[in-house]
Structure formats: structure tokens, C-alpha cells
């Protein structure tokens, strides 16, 4: 058996044989096969829709997400505590039964995301705008979550 020490690595008391490294490599291949297809090329699917960005300034948190083709009245927003729930339905025109897809990455159906906000918020002070498929939600921070200036004496 070849150990780490024999290979010039510090052993920390744990021998690591080439058989063990091969076993670990097989397990990693098995674990990543869901992300990387059999060919080793990433396979992407619409499992997390919509993708979001969360940012903040001194007074508000901002949640931005792209919702192309979705109308404002098809979007539902709900804030409970520090969680923002975004849900709705994306409808995509069907090409018909006889359509043969060469690639299909756009999915239709209901979606729902629960987004954890970084701090306490004022649930009475929320603005949401959908412009050209970009939803921007501005949520006022609670006084306790806002930065405080401390004067040093």
C-alpha cells in the first residue's frame, strides 16, 4: 500500500492508498453525474426558476429577478418575517403535438421561490415593479436592521 507519506505528502496519521483515491473518484463521478451528463458536459435544466439577485443599501433590501413573458397580474408576492415568497405561472405557447425539438430549455408551469432576507424588514413598506420582464422588489429595512452611527468620545 502506498501512503501519503511515501508520496511526499504529510500523512496526519491517515494512510491513503491509490485504491482509496480511485474509490473516491468513482464516488465523485457518481455524485456529479446528475449535474454533468454521461458525456461530462454540463446539462442545464430549469430547476430553479426564477434566478434572483439580492442586494441592499442603507435603507432597503432589493430582490431582482428576470421574469420574461410573465405579466404582473400573474405574480404573487408575500412577506412573512424575513421571508419573501415569489410565485406565479409561466405559460409558453405550444408548438403542437407534431413538433420535434432539437433543444428545449424553456419550461412552463407554476413556480415558487422562498427567499430569505438578510435582516428584519418593514412589511408595510414594500414596492414591486415589473418593467420589461425585470421584477424589482424594494423592501424597507426595519430600524433594528439599519446601520447606526456611533460617536466616539
Protein backbone atom coordinates (compact mmCIF):
# COMPACT_ATOMS: atom_id res chain seq x y z
CA UNK A 1 0.00 0.00 0.00
CA UNK A 2 1.31 3.47 -0.94
CA UNK A 3 0.68 6.10 1.71
CA UNK A 4 0.68 9.87 1.58
CA UNK A 5 4.00 9.94 3.44
CA UNK A 6 5.58 7.73 0.79
CA UNK A 7 4.31 10.14 -1.88
CA UNK A 8 5.82 13.13 -0.07
CA UNK A 9 2.55 14.33 1.49
CA UNK A 10 2.12 14.78 5.24
CA UNK A 11 0.12 11.83 6.49
CA UNK A 12 -1.55 13.29 9.58
CA UNK A 13 -1.84 9.65 10.62
CA UNK A 14 -4.18 8.70 7.74
CA UNK A 15 -2.84 6.34 5.11
CA UNK A 16 -4.37 6.96 1.67
CA UNK A 17 -3.89 4.25 -0.90
CA UNK A 18 -4.32 4.59 -4.64
CA UNK A 19 -7.29 2.19 -4.34
CA UNK A 20 -8.90 4.58 -1.88
CA UNK A 21 -8.30 7.54 -4.21
CA UNK A 22 -9.87 5.61 -7.10
CA UNK A 23 -12.88 4.74 -4.92
CA UNK A 24 -13.27 8.42 -4.01
CA UNK A 25 -13.01 9.41 -7.70
CA UNK A 26 -15.74 6.89 -8.62
CA UNK A 27 -17.99 8.30 -5.89
CA UNK A 28 -17.40 11.87 -7.10
CA UNK A 29 -18.23 10.80 -10.66
CA UNK A 30 -21.43 9.20 -9.42
CA UNK A 31 -22.37 12.30 -7.38
CA UNK A 32 -21.75 14.70 -10.25
CA UNK A 33 -23.50 12.61 -12.90
CA UNK A 34 -26.73 14.47 -12.12
CA UNK A 35 -25.08 17.80 -12.90
CA UNK A 36 -22.80 16.63 -15.65
CA UNK A 37 -24.35 14.27 -18.14
CA UNK A 38 -22.75 10.98 -19.18
CA UNK A 39 -20.61 12.86 -21.68
CA UNK A 40 -19.16 15.12 -18.97
CA UNK A 41 -20.82 18.18 -20.50
CA UNK A 42 -22.96 20.24 -18.10
CA UNK A 43 -26.67 19.63 -18.55
CA UNK A 44 -28.78 22.60 -17.58
CA UNK A 45 -32.43 22.46 -16.72
CA UNK A 46 -34.90 24.97 -15.36
CA UNK A 47 -34.92 23.53 -11.84
CA UNK A 48 -34.58 26.84 -10.02
CA UNK A 49 -36.73 29.46 -11.68
CA UNK A 50 -36.50 32.33 -11.46
CA UNK A 51 -32.90 33.14 -10.63
CA UNK A 52 -32.59 36.06 -8.22
CA UNK A 53 -30.17 38.73 -7.05
CA UNK A 54 -30.41 40.23 -3.57
CA UNK A 55 -28.69 43.49 -2.70
CA UNK A 56 -29.04 46.25 -0.15
CA UNK A 57 -28.27 49.85 0.60
CA UNK A 58 -28.55 51.67 3.93
CA UNK A 59 -32.34 51.72 3.94
CA UNK A 60 -33.65 48.87 1.77
CA UNK A 61 -33.15 45.33 0.53
CA UNK A 62 -33.64 44.76 -3.19
CA UNK A 63 -34.70 41.49 -4.81
CA UNK A 64 -34.36 41.43 -8.58
CA UNK A 65 -35.39 38.64 -10.90
CA UNK A 66 -35.97 38.18 -14.60
CA UNK A 67 -39.47 37.02 -15.48
CA UNK A 68 -39.65 37.23 -19.28
CA UNK A 69 -43.11 36.90 -20.74
CA UNK A 70 -44.88 36.90 -17.36
CA UNK A 71 -47.46 39.59 -16.71
CA UNK A 72 -47.59 41.48 -13.40
CA UNK A 73 -51.01 40.06 -12.53
CA UNK A 74 -49.58 36.52 -12.75
CA UNK A 75 -47.04 37.20 -9.97
CA UNK A 76 -47.78 36.79 -6.28
CA UNK A 77 -45.52 38.25 -3.56
CA UNK A 78 -45.88 37.59 0.15
CA UNK A 79 -43.65 38.64 3.05
CA UNK A 80 -43.70 36.83 6.37
CA UNK A 81 -40.97 37.72 8.85
CA UNK A 82 -37.66 37.63 6.97
CA UNK A 83 -39.01 35.55 4.08
CA UNK A 84 -40.25 36.76 0.72
CA UNK A 85 -42.28 34.25 -1.28
CA UNK A 86 -42.39 34.81 -5.03
CA UNK A 87 -44.76 32.63 -7.01
CA UNK A 88 -46.59 32.59 -10.29
CA UNK A 89 -47.04 30.70 -13.50
CA UNK A 90 -45.08 30.82 -16.73
CA UNK A 91 -47.05 29.92 -19.84
CA UNK A 92 -45.28 29.06 -23.06
CA UNK A 93 -47.03 28.71 -26.38
CA UNK A 94 -47.04 25.07 -27.52
CA UNK A 95 -45.76 24.31 -31.00
CA UNK A 96 -48.15 21.38 -31.22
CA UNK A 97 -48.02 17.60 -30.97
CA UNK A 98 -46.00 17.13 -34.13
CA UNK A 99 -43.19 19.50 -33.15
CA UNK A 100 -39.80 17.83 -32.86
CA UNK A 101 -37.50 19.69 -30.50
CA UNK A 102 -33.79 19.90 -31.10
CA UNK A 103 -33.30 21.70 -27.80
CA UNK A 104 -35.83 22.50 -25.09
CA UNK A 105 -34.59 24.62 -22.20
CA UNK A 106 -37.64 26.79 -21.53
CA UNK A 107 -40.17 25.22 -19.23
CA UNK A 108 -43.73 26.22 -18.50
CA UNK A 109 -45.63 25.78 -15.28
CA UNK A 110 -46.07 27.07 -11.78
CA UNK A 111 -43.07 28.29 -9.83
CA UNK A 112 -42.46 29.35 -6.26
CA UNK A 113 -39.33 30.62 -4.51
CA UNK A 114 -38.95 31.39 -0.83
CA UNK A 115 -36.20 33.95 -0.42
CA UNK A 116 -34.57 34.52 2.96
CA UNK A 117 -33.88 38.18 3.52
CA UNK A 118 -30.66 39.17 5.34
CA UNK A 119 -32.38 41.15 8.11
CA UNK A 120 -35.65 42.34 9.62
CA UNK A 121 -37.92 44.32 7.30
CA UNK A 122 -40.87 46.70 7.44
CA UNK A 123 -43.61 44.63 5.80
CA UNK A 124 -45.74 47.76 5.33
CA UNK A 125 -43.10 49.38 3.14
CA UNK A 126 -42.66 47.21 0.06
CA UNK A 127 -42.58 48.34 -3.57
CA UNK A 128 -42.66 45.96 -6.53
CA UNK A 129 -42.25 46.92 -10.19
CA UNK A 130 -42.17 44.77 -13.31
CA UNK A 131 -40.52 46.57 -16.24
CA UNK A 132 -39.55 44.75 -19.46
CA UNK A 133 -39.54 41.37 -17.71
CA UNK A 134 -37.39 42.52 -14.75
CA UNK A 135 -39.11 42.38 -11.37
CA UNK A 136 -37.60 44.65 -8.72
CA UNK A 137 -38.87 44.38 -5.16
CA UNK A 138 -37.67 47.08 -2.73
CA UNK A 139 -38.26 46.28 0.94
CA UNK A 140 -37.54 48.83 3.68
CA UNK A 141 -35.25 47.62 6.45
CA UNK A 142 -36.59 47.61 9.98
CA UNK A 143 -35.00 50.24 12.23
CA UNK A 144 -33.14 47.48 14.09
CA UNK A 145 -31.53 46.30 10.81
CA UNK A 146 -30.36 49.75 9.71
CA UNK A 147 -26.76 50.75 10.39
CA UNK A 148 -26.25 53.07 13.36
CA UNK A 149 -23.61 55.77 13.50
CA UNK A 150 -21.78 55.73 16.83
CA UNK A 151 -19.89 58.78 18.00
CA UNK A 152 -16.62 58.10 19.73
CA UNK A 153 -15.92 60.45 22.63
